[in-house]
PDB file of N, CA and C in Angstrom:
ATOM      1  N   MET A   1      28.936  11.388  -0.199  1.00  0.00           N
ATOM      2  CA  MET A   1      28.439  10.189  -0.846  1.00  0.00           C
ATOM      3  C   MET A   1      27.943   9.217   0.217  1.00  0.00           C
ATOM      4  N   SER A   2      26.793   8.621  -0.021  1.00  0.00           N
ATOM      5  CA  SER A   2      26.221   7.726   0.980  1.00  0.00           C
ATOM      6  C   SER A   2      26.848   6.340   0.892  1.00  0.00           C
ATOM      7  N   HIS A   3      26.841   5.671   2.017  1.00  0.00           N
ATOM      8  CA  HIS A   3      27.404   4.334   2.093  1.00  0.00           C
ATOM      9  C   HIS A   3      26.299   3.307   1.881  1.00  0.00           C
ATOM     10  N   VAL A   4      26.497   2.418   0.935  1.00  0.00           N
ATOM     11  CA  VAL A   4      25.552   1.333   0.682  1.00  0.00           C
ATOM     12  C   VAL A   4      26.216   0.039   1.107  1.00  0.00           C
ATOM     13  N   ASP A   5      25.512  -0.710   1.965  1.00  0.00           N
ATOM     14  CA  ASP A   5      26.045  -1.990   2.439  1.00  0.00           C
ATOM     15  C   ASP A   5      26.048  -2.965   1.267  1.00  0.00           C
ATOM     16  N   THR A   6      27.236  -3.361   0.822  1.00  0.00           N
ATOM     17  CA  THR A   6      27.342  -4.259  -0.329  1.00  0.00           C
ATOM     18  C   THR A   6      27.080  -5.707   0.051  1.00  0.00           C
ATOM     19  N   ASN A   7      26.871  -5.973   1.332  1.00  0.00           N
ATOM     20  CA  ASN A   7      26.599  -7.335   1.774  1.00  0.00           C
ATOM     21  C   ASN A   7      25.148  -7.739   1.547  1.00  0.00           C
ATOM     22  N   VAL A   8      24.283  -6.771   1.257  1.00  0.00           N
ATOM     23  CA  VAL A   8      22.877  -7.064   0.995  1.00  0.00           C
ATOM     24  C   VAL A   8      22.709  -7.217  -0.510  1.00  0.00           C
ATOM     25  N   PRO A   9      22.227  -8.378  -0.955  1.00  0.00           N
ATOM     26  CA  PRO A   9      22.060  -8.566  -2.400  1.00  0.00           C
ATOM     27  C   PRO A   9      20.972  -7.640  -2.950  1.00  0.00           C
ATOM     28  N   PRO A  10      21.108  -7.257  -4.225  1.00  0.00           N
ATOM     29  CA  PRO A  10      20.098  -6.368  -4.813  1.00  0.00           C
ATOM     30  C   PRO A  10      18.736  -7.060  -4.891  1.00  0.00           C
ATOM     31  N   ILE A  11      17.696  -6.241  -4.886  1.00  0.00           N
ATOM     32  CA  ILE A  11      16.329  -6.755  -4.970  1.00  0.00           C
ATOM     33  C   ILE A  11      16.058  -7.219  -6.396  1.00  0.00           C
ATOM     34  N   TRP A  12      15.478  -8.396  -6.512  1.00  0.00           N
ATOM     35  CA  TRP A  12      15.101  -8.901  -7.831  1.00  0.00           C
ATOM     36  C   TRP A  12      13.783  -8.275  -8.235  1.00  0.00           C
ATOM     37  N   PHE A  13      13.664  -7.889  -9.467  1.00  0.00           N
ATOM     38  CA  PHE A  13      12.438  -7.379 -10.069  1.00  0.00           C
ATOM     39  C   PHE A  13      11.767  -6.294  -9.217  1.00  0.00           C
ATOM     40  N   PRO A  14      12.456  -5.183  -8.939  1.00  0.00           N
ATOM     41  CA  PRO A  14      11.860  -4.150  -8.074  1.00  0.00           C
ATOM     42  C   PRO A  14      10.587  -3.538  -8.664  1.00  0.00           C
ATOM     43  N   ASN A  15      10.531  -3.375  -9.977  1.00  0.00           N
ATOM     44  CA  ASN A  15       9.325  -2.794 -10.586  1.00  0.00           C
ATOM     45  C   ASN A  15       8.124  -3.719 -10.448  1.00  0.00           C
ATOM     46  N   GLN A  16       8.361  -5.013 -10.558  1.00  0.00           N
ATOM     47  CA  GLN A  16       7.273  -5.969 -10.372  1.00  0.00           C
ATOM     48  C   GLN A  16       6.754  -5.895  -8.938  1.00  0.00           C
ATOM     49  N   ARG A  17       7.620  -5.715  -7.992  1.00  0.00           N
ATOM     50  CA  ARG A  17       7.208  -5.597  -6.584  1.00  0.00           C
ATOM     51  C   ARG A  17       6.382  -4.337  -6.371  1.00  0.00           C
ATOM     52  N   ILE A  18       6.743  -3.256  -7.042  1.00  0.00           N
ATOM     53  CA  ILE A  18       5.992  -2.008  -6.917  1.00  0.00           C
ATOM     54  C   ILE A  18       4.584  -2.196  -7.486  1.00  0.00           C
ATOM     55  N   ILE A  19       4.488  -2.795  -8.654  1.00  0.00           N
ATOM     56  CA  ILE A  19       3.179  -3.026  -9.279  1.00  0.00           C
ATOM     57  C   ILE A  19       2.322  -3.912  -8.390  1.00  0.00           C
ATOM     58  N   ARG A  20       2.908  -4.967  -7.839  1.00  0.00           N
ATOM     59  CA  ARG A  20       2.152  -5.870  -6.958  1.00  0.00           C
ATOM     60  C   ARG A  20       1.673  -5.143  -5.701  1.00  0.00           C
ATOM     61  N   THR A  21       2.515  -4.273  -5.156  1.00  0.00           N
ATOM     62  CA  THR A  21       2.127  -3.510  -3.964  1.00  0.00           C
ATOM     63  C   THR A  21       0.946  -2.600  -4.270  1.00  0.00           C
ATOM     64  N   VAL A  22       0.994  -1.907  -5.404  1.00  0.00           N
ATOM     65  CA  VAL A  22      -0.109  -1.024  -5.786  1.00  0.00           C
ATOM     66  C   VAL A  22      -1.394  -1.834  -5.976  1.00  0.00           C
ATOM     67  N   LEU A  23      -1.315  -2.952  -6.690  1.00  0.00           N
ATOM     68  CA  LEU A  23      -2.503  -3.771  -6.911  1.00  0.00           C
ATOM     69  C   LEU A  23      -3.069  -4.318  -5.601  1.00  0.00           C
ATOM     70  N   GLN A  24      -2.214  -4.762  -4.705  1.00  0.00           N
ATOM     71  CA  GLN A  24      -2.671  -5.279  -3.415  1.00  0.00           C
ATOM     72  C   GLN A  24      -3.352  -4.184  -2.599  1.00  0.00           C
ATOM     73  N   THR A  25      -2.784  -2.999  -2.608  1.00  0.00           N
ATOM     74  CA  THR A  25      -3.344  -1.900  -1.833  1.00  0.00           C
ATOM     75  C   THR A  25      -4.686  -1.459  -2.390  1.00  0.00           C
ATOM     76  N   VAL A  26      -4.770  -1.317  -3.706  1.00  0.00           N
ATOM     77  CA  VAL A  26      -6.036  -0.908  -4.319  1.00  0.00           C
ATOM     78  C   VAL A  26      -7.102  -1.980  -4.094  1.00  0.00           C
ATOM     79  N   ALA A  27      -6.750  -3.237  -4.280  1.00  0.00           N
ATOM     80  CA  ALA A  27      -7.724  -4.316  -4.081  1.00  0.00           C
ATOM     81  C   ALA A  27      -8.208  -4.361  -2.631  1.00  0.00           C
ATOM     82  N   SER A  28      -7.296  -4.246  -1.678  1.00  0.00           N
ATOM     83  CA  SER A  28      -7.720  -4.288  -0.273  1.00  0.00           C
ATOM     84  C   SER A  28      -8.554  -3.066   0.089  1.00  0.00           C
ATOM     85  N   SER A  29      -8.247  -1.913  -0.482  1.00  0.00           N
ATOM     86  CA  SER A  29      -9.054  -0.713  -0.234  1.00  0.00           C
ATOM     87  C   SER A  29     -10.463  -0.879  -0.789  1.00  0.00           C
ATOM     88  N   LEU A  30     -10.557  -1.416  -2.007  1.00  0.00           N
ATOM     89  CA  LEU A  30     -11.878  -1.632  -2.607  1.00  0.00           C
ATOM     90  C   LEU A  30     -12.704  -2.628  -1.797  1.00  0.00           C
ATOM     91  N   VAL A  31     -12.082  -3.710  -1.371  1.00  0.00           N
ATOM     92  CA  VAL A  31     -12.787  -4.716  -0.574  1.00  0.00           C
ATOM     93  C   VAL A  31     -13.239  -4.116   0.754  1.00  0.00           C
ATOM     94  N   THR A  32     -12.397  -3.304   1.370  1.00  0.00           N
ATOM     95  CA  THR A  32     -12.757  -2.673   2.645  1.00  0.00           C
ATOM     96  C   THR A  32     -13.936  -1.729   2.482  1.00  0.00           C
ATOM     97  N   VAL A  33     -13.885  -0.872   1.469  1.00  0.00           N
ATOM     98  CA  VAL A  33     -14.975   0.082   1.237  1.00  0.00           C
ATOM     99  C   VAL A  33     -16.269  -0.657   0.891  1.00  0.00           C
ATOM    100  N   ALA A  34     -16.189  -1.639   0.005  1.00  0.00           N
ATOM    101  CA  ALA A  34     -17.385  -2.400  -0.370  1.00  0.00           C
ATOM    102  C   ALA A  34     -17.929  -3.188   0.819  1.00  0.00           C
ATOM    103  N   GLY A  35     -17.042  -3.783   1.602  1.00  0.00           N
ATOM    104  CA  GLY A  35     -17.479  -4.531   2.777  1.00  0.00           C
ATOM    105  C   GLY A  35     -18.150  -3.636   3.804  1.00  0.00           C
ATOM    106  N   LEU A  36     -17.587  -2.466   4.035  1.00  0.00           N
ATOM    107  CA  LEU A  36     -18.184  -1.526   4.977  1.00  0.00           C
ATOM    108  C   LEU A  36     -19.555  -1.057   4.488  1.00  0.00           C
ATOM    109  N   ALA A  37     -19.642  -0.734   3.197  1.00  0.00           N
ATOM    110  CA  ALA A  37     -20.930  -0.305   2.640  1.00  0.00           C
ATOM    111  C   ALA A  37     -21.959  -1.431   2.729  1.00  0.00           C
ATOM    112  N   GLY A  38     -21.540  -2.651   2.443  1.00  0.00           N
ATOM    113  CA  GLY A  38     -22.453  -3.793   2.550  1.00  0.00           C
ATOM    114  C   GLY A  38     -22.900  -4.037   3.977  1.00  0.00           C
ATOM    115  N   PHE A  39     -21.979  -3.927   4.914  1.00  0.00           N
ATOM    116  CA  PHE A  39     -22.304  -4.117   6.336  1.00  0.00           C
ATOM    117  C   PHE A  39     -23.324  -3.073   6.791  1.00  0.00           C
ATOM    118  N   VAL A  40     -23.078  -1.814   6.440  1.00  0.00           N
ATOM    119  CA  VAL A  40     -23.992  -0.743   6.836  1.00  0.00           C
ATOM    120  C   VAL A  40     -25.345  -0.921   6.153  1.00  0.00           C
ATOM    121  N   ALA A  41     -25.350  -1.338   4.890  1.00  0.00           N
ATOM    122  CA  ALA A  41     -26.610  -1.533   4.169  1.00  0.00           C
ATOM    123  C   ALA A  41     -27.466  -2.619   4.810  1.00  0.00           C
ATOM    124  N   VAL A  42     -26.828  -3.656   5.350  1.00  0.00           N
ATOM    125  CA  VAL A  42     -27.564  -4.766   5.964  1.00  0.00           C
ATOM    126  C   VAL A  42     -27.991  -4.431   7.394  1.00  0.00           C
ATOM    127  N   PHE A  43     -27.065  -3.883   8.182  1.00  0.00           N
ATOM    128  CA  PHE A  43     -27.323  -3.705   9.607  1.00  0.00           C
ATOM    129  C   PHE A  43     -27.801  -2.313  10.010  1.00  0.00           C
ATOM    130  N   ALA A  44     -27.598  -1.326   9.171  1.00  0.00           N
ATOM    131  CA  ALA A  44     -28.038   0.038   9.495  1.00  0.00           C
ATOM    132  C   ALA A  44     -28.435   0.781   8.230  1.00  0.00           C
ATOM    133  N   PRO A  45     -29.469   0.288   7.535  1.00  0.00           N
ATOM    134  CA  PRO A  45     -29.850   0.939   6.272  1.00  0.00           C
ATOM    135  C   PRO A  45     -30.275   2.394   6.463  1.00  0.00           C
ATOM    136  N   GLN A  46     -30.811   2.733   7.647  1.00  0.00           N
ATOM    137  CA  GLN A  46     -31.210   4.119   7.893  1.00  0.00           C
ATOM    138  C   GLN A  46     -29.983   5.041   7.892  1.00  0.00           C
ATOM    139  N   LEU A  47     -28.892   4.554   8.433  1.00  0.00           N
ATOM    140  CA  LEU A  47     -27.653   5.333   8.452  1.00  0.00           C
ATOM    141  C   LEU A  47     -27.161   5.579   7.026  1.00  0.00           C
ATOM    142  N   LEU A  48     -27.188   4.549   6.221  1.00  0.00           N
ATOM    143  CA  LEU A  48     -26.740   4.689   4.832  1.00  0.00           C
ATOM    144  C   LEU A  48     -27.615   5.683   4.072  1.00  0.00           C
ATOM    145  N   GLU A  49     -28.917   5.637   4.309  1.00  0.00           N
ATOM    146  CA  GLU A  49     -29.831   6.573   3.647  1.00  0.00           C
ATOM    147  C   GLU A  49     -29.576   8.013   4.103  1.00  0.00           C
ATOM    148  N   ALA A  50     -29.289   8.193   5.384  1.00  0.00           N
ATOM    149  CA  ALA A  50     -28.981   9.533   5.898  1.00  0.00           C
ATOM    150  C   ALA A  50     -27.688  10.066   5.292  1.00  0.00           C
ATOM    151  N   VAL A  51     -26.710   9.199   5.143  1.00  0.00           N
ATOM    152  CA  VAL A  51     -25.439   9.615   4.531  1.00  0.00           C
ATOM    153  C   VAL A  51     -25.660   9.994   3.072  1.00  0.00           C
ATOM    154  N   ARG A  52     -26.484   9.230   2.374  1.00  0.00           N
ATOM    155  CA  ARG A  52     -26.765   9.548   0.955  1.00  0.00           C
ATOM    156  C   ARG A  52     -27.435  10.906   0.803  1.00  0.00           C
ATOM    157  N   GLU A  53     -28.258  11.283   1.763  1.00  0.00           N
ATOM    158  CA  GLU A  53     -28.934  12.590   1.692  1.00  0.00           C
ATOM    159  C   GLU A  53     -27.962  13.742   1.929  1.00  0.00           C
ATOM    160  N   ILE A  54     -26.938  13.506   2.759  1.00  0.00           N
ATOM    161  CA  ILE A  54     -25.995  14.570   3.111  1.00  0.00           C
ATOM    162  C   ILE A  54     -24.912  14.737   2.049  1.00  0.00           C
ATOM    163  N   LEU A  55     -24.354  13.623   1.573  1.00  0.00           N
ATOM    164  CA  LEU A  55     -23.231  13.691   0.632  1.00  0.00           C
ATOM    165  C   LEU A  55     -23.711  13.993  -0.784  1.00  0.00           C
ATOM    166  N   PRO A  56     -22.926  14.765  -1.534  1.00  0.00           N
ATOM    167  CA  PRO A  56     -23.283  15.019  -2.932  1.00  0.00           C
ATOM    168  C   PRO A  56     -23.051  13.764  -3.781  1.00  0.00           C
ATOM    169  N   ALA A  57     -23.604  13.766  -4.966  1.00  0.00           N
ATOM    170  CA  ALA A  57     -23.467  12.609  -5.859  1.00  0.00           C
ATOM    171  C   ALA A  57     -22.012  12.368  -6.257  1.00  0.00           C
ATOM    172  N   SER A  58     -21.177  13.393  -6.192  1.00  0.00           N
ATOM    173  CA  SER A  58     -19.773  13.250  -6.602  1.00  0.00           C
ATOM    174  C   SER A  58     -18.916  12.540  -5.559  1.00  0.00           C
ATOM    175  N   TRP A  59     -19.481  12.152  -4.423  1.00  0.00           N
ATOM    176  CA  TRP A  59     -18.659  11.523  -3.385  1.00  0.00           C
ATOM    177  C   TRP A  59     -18.124  10.180  -3.844  1.00  0.00           C
ATOM    178  N   TYR A  60     -18.829   9.519  -4.785  1.00  0.00           N
ATOM    179  CA  TYR A  60     -18.310   8.259  -5.341  1.00  0.00           C
ATOM    180  C   TYR A  60     -16.975   8.505  -6.044  1.00  0.00           C
ATOM    181  N   ALA A  61     -16.924   9.590  -6.800  1.00  0.00           N
ATOM    182  CA  ALA A  61     -15.679   9.931  -7.504  1.00  0.00           C
ATOM    183  C   ALA A  61     -14.566  10.227  -6.500  1.00  0.00           C
ATOM    184  N   TRP A  62     -14.904  10.908  -5.416  1.00  0.00           N
ATOM    185  CA  TRP A  62     -13.904  11.199  -4.388  1.00  0.00           C
ATOM    186  C   TRP A  62     -13.380   9.923  -3.757  1.00  0.00           C
ATOM    187  N   CYS A  63     -14.234   8.944  -3.573  1.00  0.00           N
ATOM    188  CA  CYS A  63     -13.794   7.647  -3.014  1.00  0.00           C
ATOM    189  C   CYS A  63     -12.810   6.965  -3.967  1.00  0.00           C
ATOM    190  N   VAL A  64     -13.118   7.001  -5.255  1.00  0.00           N
ATOM    191  CA  VAL A  64     -12.237   6.386  -6.246  1.00  0.00           C
ATOM    192  C   VAL A  64     -10.888   7.101  -6.262  1.00  0.00           C
ATOM    193  N   VAL A  65     -10.918   8.419  -6.206  1.00  0.00           N
ATOM    194  CA  VAL A  65      -9.671   9.193  -6.181  1.00  0.00           C
ATOM    195  C   VAL A  65      -8.870   8.872  -4.918  1.00  0.00           C
ATOM    196  N   ALA A  66      -9.547   8.767  -3.785  1.00  0.00           N
ATOM    197  CA  ALA A  66      -8.856   8.457  -2.531  1.00  0.00           C
ATOM    198  C   ALA A  66      -8.174   7.097  -2.613  1.00  0.00           C
ATOM    199  N   ILE A  67      -8.847   6.118  -3.177  1.00  0.00           N
ATOM    200  CA  ILE A  67      -8.246   4.789  -3.333  1.00  0.00           C
ATOM    201  C   ILE A  67      -7.048   4.864  -4.281  1.00  0.00           C
ATOM    202  N   GLY A  68      -7.162   5.660  -5.334  1.00  0.00           N
ATOM    203  CA  GLY A  68      -6.041   5.843  -6.251  1.00  0.00           C
ATOM    204  C   GLY A  68      -4.848   6.512  -5.588  1.00  0.00           C
ATOM    205  N   VAL A  69      -5.120   7.489  -4.733  1.00  0.00           N
ATOM    206  CA  VAL A  69      -4.037   8.174  -4.015  1.00  0.00           C
ATOM    207  C   VAL A  69      -3.343   7.212  -3.054  1.00  0.00           C
ATOM    208  N   VAL A  70      -4.123   6.413  -2.336  1.00  0.00           N
ATOM    209  CA  VAL A  70      -3.536   5.430  -1.416  1.00  0.00           C
ATOM    210  C   VAL A  70      -2.673   4.437  -2.190  1.00  0.00           C
ATOM    211  N   GLY A  71      -3.156   3.988  -3.353  1.00  0.00           N
ATOM    212  CA  GLY A  71      -2.368   3.073  -4.184  1.00  0.00           C
ATOM    213  C   GLY A  71      -1.080   3.717  -4.676  1.00  0.00           C
ATOM    214  N   THR A  72      -1.156   4.982  -5.062  1.00  0.00           N
ATOM    215  CA  THR A  72       0.031   5.695  -5.537  1.00  0.00           C
ATOM    216  C   THR A  72       1.064   5.867  -4.423  1.00  0.00           C
ATOM    217  N   ILE A  73       0.596   6.255  -3.247  1.00  0.00           N
ATOM    218  CA  ILE A  73       1.512   6.417  -2.113  1.00  0.00           C
ATOM    219  C   ILE A  73       2.176   5.080  -1.780  1.00  0.00           C
ATOM    220  N   SER A  74       1.416   4.000  -1.831  1.00  0.00           N
ATOM    221  CA  SER A  74       1.986   2.678  -1.565  1.00  0.00           C
ATOM    222  C   SER A  74       3.052   2.336  -2.595  1.00  0.00           C
ATOM    223  N   GLY A  75       2.811   2.663  -3.850  1.00  0.00           N
ATOM    224  CA  GLY A  75       3.797   2.411  -4.902  1.00  0.00           C
ATOM    225  C   GLY A  75       5.069   3.213  -4.704  1.00  0.00           C
ATOM    226  N   VAL A  76       4.923   4.479  -4.321  1.00  0.00           N
ATOM    227  CA  VAL A  76       6.092   5.326  -4.077  1.00  0.00           C
ATOM    228  C   VAL A  76       6.901   4.776  -2.898  1.00  0.00           C
ATOM    229  N   LEU A  77       6.201   4.382  -1.836  1.00  0.00           N
ATOM    230  CA  LEU A  77       6.911   3.816  -0.686  1.00  0.00           C
ATOM    231  C   LEU A  77       7.610   2.507  -1.048  1.00  0.00           C
ATOM    232  N   ALA A  78       6.978   1.690  -1.881  1.00  0.00           N
ATOM    233  CA  ALA A  78       7.616   0.442  -2.322  1.00  0.00           C
ATOM    234  C   ALA A  78       8.870   0.747  -3.131  1.00  0.00           C
ATOM    235  N   LYS A  79       8.809   1.786  -3.967  1.00  0.00           N
ATOM    236  CA  LYS A  79       9.975   2.180  -4.768  1.00  0.00           C
ATOM    237  C   LYS A  79      11.113   2.660  -3.867  1.00  0.00           C
ATOM    238  N   VAL A  80      10.782   3.468  -2.869  1.00  0.00           N
ATOM    239  CA  VAL A  80      11.803   3.966  -1.938  1.00  0.00           C
ATOM    240  C   VAL A  80      12.424   2.799  -1.179  1.00  0.00           C
ATOM    241  N   MET A  81      11.599   1.850  -0.734  1.00  0.00           N
ATOM    242  CA  MET A  81      12.120   0.725   0.029  1.00  0.00           C
ATOM    243  C   MET A  81      12.964  -0.211  -0.838  1.00  0.00           C
ATOM    244  N   ALA A  82      12.830  -0.117  -2.161  1.00  0.00           N
ATOM    245  CA  ALA A  82      13.631  -0.945  -3.063  1.00  0.00           C
ATOM    246  C   ALA A  82      14.983  -0.320  -3.372  1.00  0.00           C
ATOM    247  N   LEU A  83      15.202   0.918  -2.961  1.00  0.00           N
ATOM    248  CA  LEU A  83      16.507   1.539  -3.177  1.00  0.00           C
ATOM    249  C   LEU A  83      17.555   0.768  -2.379  1.00  0.00           C
ATOM    250  N   PRO A  84      18.731   0.540  -2.958  1.00  0.00           N
ATOM    251  CA  PRO A  84      19.749  -0.266  -2.276  1.00  0.00           C
ATOM    252  C   PRO A  84      20.093   0.218  -0.870  1.00  0.00           C
ATOM    253  N   ALA A  85      20.246   1.520  -0.683  1.00  0.00           N
ATOM    254  CA  ALA A  85      20.612   2.040   0.640  1.00  0.00           C
ATOM    255  C   ALA A  85      19.495   1.799   1.654  1.00  0.00           C
ATOM    256  N   VAL A  86      18.250   2.001   1.242  1.00  0.00           N
ATOM    257  CA  VAL A  86      17.117   1.791   2.143  1.00  0.00           C
ATOM    258  C   VAL A  86      16.961   0.304   2.435  1.00  0.00           C
ATOM    259  N   ASN A  87      17.102  -0.520   1.413  1.00  0.00           N
ATOM    260  CA  ASN A  87      17.001  -1.967   1.601  1.00  0.00           C
ATOM    261  C   ASN A  87      18.076  -2.473   2.559  1.00  0.00           C
ATOM    262  N   ALA A  88      19.301  -1.953   2.413  1.00  0.00           N
ATOM    263  CA  ALA A  88      20.389  -2.359   3.313  1.00  0.00           C
ATOM    264  C   ALA A  88      20.088  -1.931   4.749  1.00  0.00           C
ATOM    265  N   PHE A  89      19.544  -0.733   4.913  1.00  0.00           N
ATOM    266  CA  PHE A  89      19.176  -0.264   6.248  1.00  0.00           C
ATOM    267  C   PHE A  89      18.077  -1.151   6.841  1.00  0.00           C
ATOM    268  N   LEU A  90      17.060  -1.455   6.050  1.00  0.00           N
ATOM    269  CA  LEU A  90      15.961  -2.299   6.532  1.00  0.00           C
ATOM    270  C   LEU A  90      16.423  -3.715   6.847  1.00  0.00           C
ATOM    271  N   ALA A  91      17.407  -4.214   6.103  1.00  0.00           N
ATOM    272  CA  ALA A  91      17.911  -5.574   6.336  1.00  0.00           C
ATOM    273  C   ALA A  91      18.557  -5.704   7.712  1.00  0.00           C
ATOM    274  N   LYS A  92      19.089  -4.603   8.226  1.00  0.00           N
ATOM    275  CA  LYS A  92      19.694  -4.632   9.563  1.00  0.00           C
ATOM    276  C   LYS A  92      18.665  -4.968  10.633  1.00  0.00           C
ATOM    277  N   PHE A  93      17.397  -4.667  10.361  1.00  0.00           N
ATOM    278  CA  PHE A  93      16.321  -4.900  11.322  1.00  0.00           C
ATOM    279  C   PHE A  93      15.452  -6.092  10.940  1.00  0.00           C
ATOM    280  N   GLY A  94      15.866  -6.813   9.899  1.00  0.00           N
ATOM    281  CA  GLY A  94      15.088  -7.970   9.461  1.00  0.00           C
ATOM    282  C   GLY A  94      13.900  -7.599   8.596  1.00  0.00           C
ATOM    283  N   ALA A  95      13.868  -6.376   8.063  1.00  0.00           N
ATOM    284  CA  ALA A  95      12.745  -5.939   7.242  1.00  0.00           C
ATOM    285  C   ALA A  95      13.166  -5.683   5.790  1.00  0.00           C
ATOM    286  N   GLY A  96      14.323  -6.140   5.400  1.00  0.00           N
ATOM    287  CA  GLY A  96      14.804  -5.941   4.032  1.00  0.00           C
ATOM    288  C   GLY A  96      14.266  -7.004   3.095  1.00  0.00           C
ATOM    289  N   SER A  97      14.825  -7.064   1.902  1.00  0.00           N
ATOM    290  CA  SER A  97      14.374  -8.034   0.910  1.00  0.00           C
ATOM    291  C   SER A  97      14.912  -9.436   1.203  1.00  0.00           C
ATOM    292  N   VAL A  98      15.851  -9.504   2.127  1.00  0.00           N
ATOM    293  CA  VAL A  98      16.387 -10.795   2.568  1.00  0.00           C
ATOM    294  C   VAL A  98      16.314 -10.829   4.085  1.00  0.00           C
ATOM    295  N   PRO A  99      16.198 -12.017   4.662  1.00  0.00           N
ATOM    296  CA  PRO A  99      16.201 -12.068   6.127  1.00  0.00           C
ATOM    297  C   PRO A  99      17.542 -11.630   6.698  1.00  0.00           C
ATOM    298  N   ARG A 100      17.522 -11.224   7.933  1.00  0.00           N
ATOM    299  CA  ARG A 100      18.750 -10.767   8.587  1.00  0.00           C
ATOM    300  C   ARG A 100      19.839 -11.838   8.502  1.00  0.00           C
ATOM    301  N   SER A 101      19.449 -13.097   8.583  1.00  0.00           N
ATOM    302  CA  SER A 101      20.434 -14.186   8.510  1.00  0.00           C
ATOM    303  C   SER A 101      21.042 -14.306   7.120  1.00  0.00           C
ATOM    304  N   GLY A 102      20.415 -13.716   6.098  1.00  0.00           N
ATOM    305  CA  GLY A 102      20.934 -13.795   4.742  1.00  0.00           C
ATOM    306  C   GLY A 102      21.937 -12.704   4.416  1.00  0.00           C
ATOM    307  N   VAL A 103      22.174 -11.811   5.362  1.00  0.00           N
ATOM    308  CA  VAL A 103      23.132 -10.725   5.158  1.00  0.00           C
ATOM    309  C   VAL A 103      24.473 -11.169   5.708  1.00  0.00           C
ATOM    310  N   SER A 104      25.472 -11.153   4.829  1.00  0.00           N
ATOM    311  CA  SER A 104      26.810 -11.557   5.283  1.00  0.00           C
ATOM    312  C   SER A 104      27.520 -10.353   5.906  1.00  0.00           C
ATOM    313  N   ASP A 105      28.363 -10.633   6.865  1.00  0.00           N
ATOM    314  CA  ASP A 105      29.115  -9.552   7.548  1.00  0.00           C
ATOM    315  C   ASP A 105      30.407  -9.250   6.853  1.00  0.00           C
TER     316      ASP A 105
END
C-alpha cells in the first residue's frame, strides 16, 4: 500500500482544473499554429505555397488531430498530478497544489 502524505490538503475541484488545462493547451496550440501560418504567409509566401504543393489536402485534419492529442495528453497529465500521492510528492518540491510553506510537518 502506498503512503500518502496527509499533511497536504486535497485539491479543490480537480475535474475543473483538468478541463481548464485542456482548454488552455488547445487554445495555445491553435494560436501557435495560426500565428506561425500567418507569419510565414506574410514573410515567406513562397515557402507556404511550396508546402501546400507537397502536403495533401488532408494535412489540415492531421493538424486538428494533433492539437486534440496534445490537449488529451495534457488532460491526462493534469489528472495524474491531481492524485493525492502525486500531489503530495510534488508539494515537497514546491510544485503541488499548495506552496511548500502550506504543507504542515
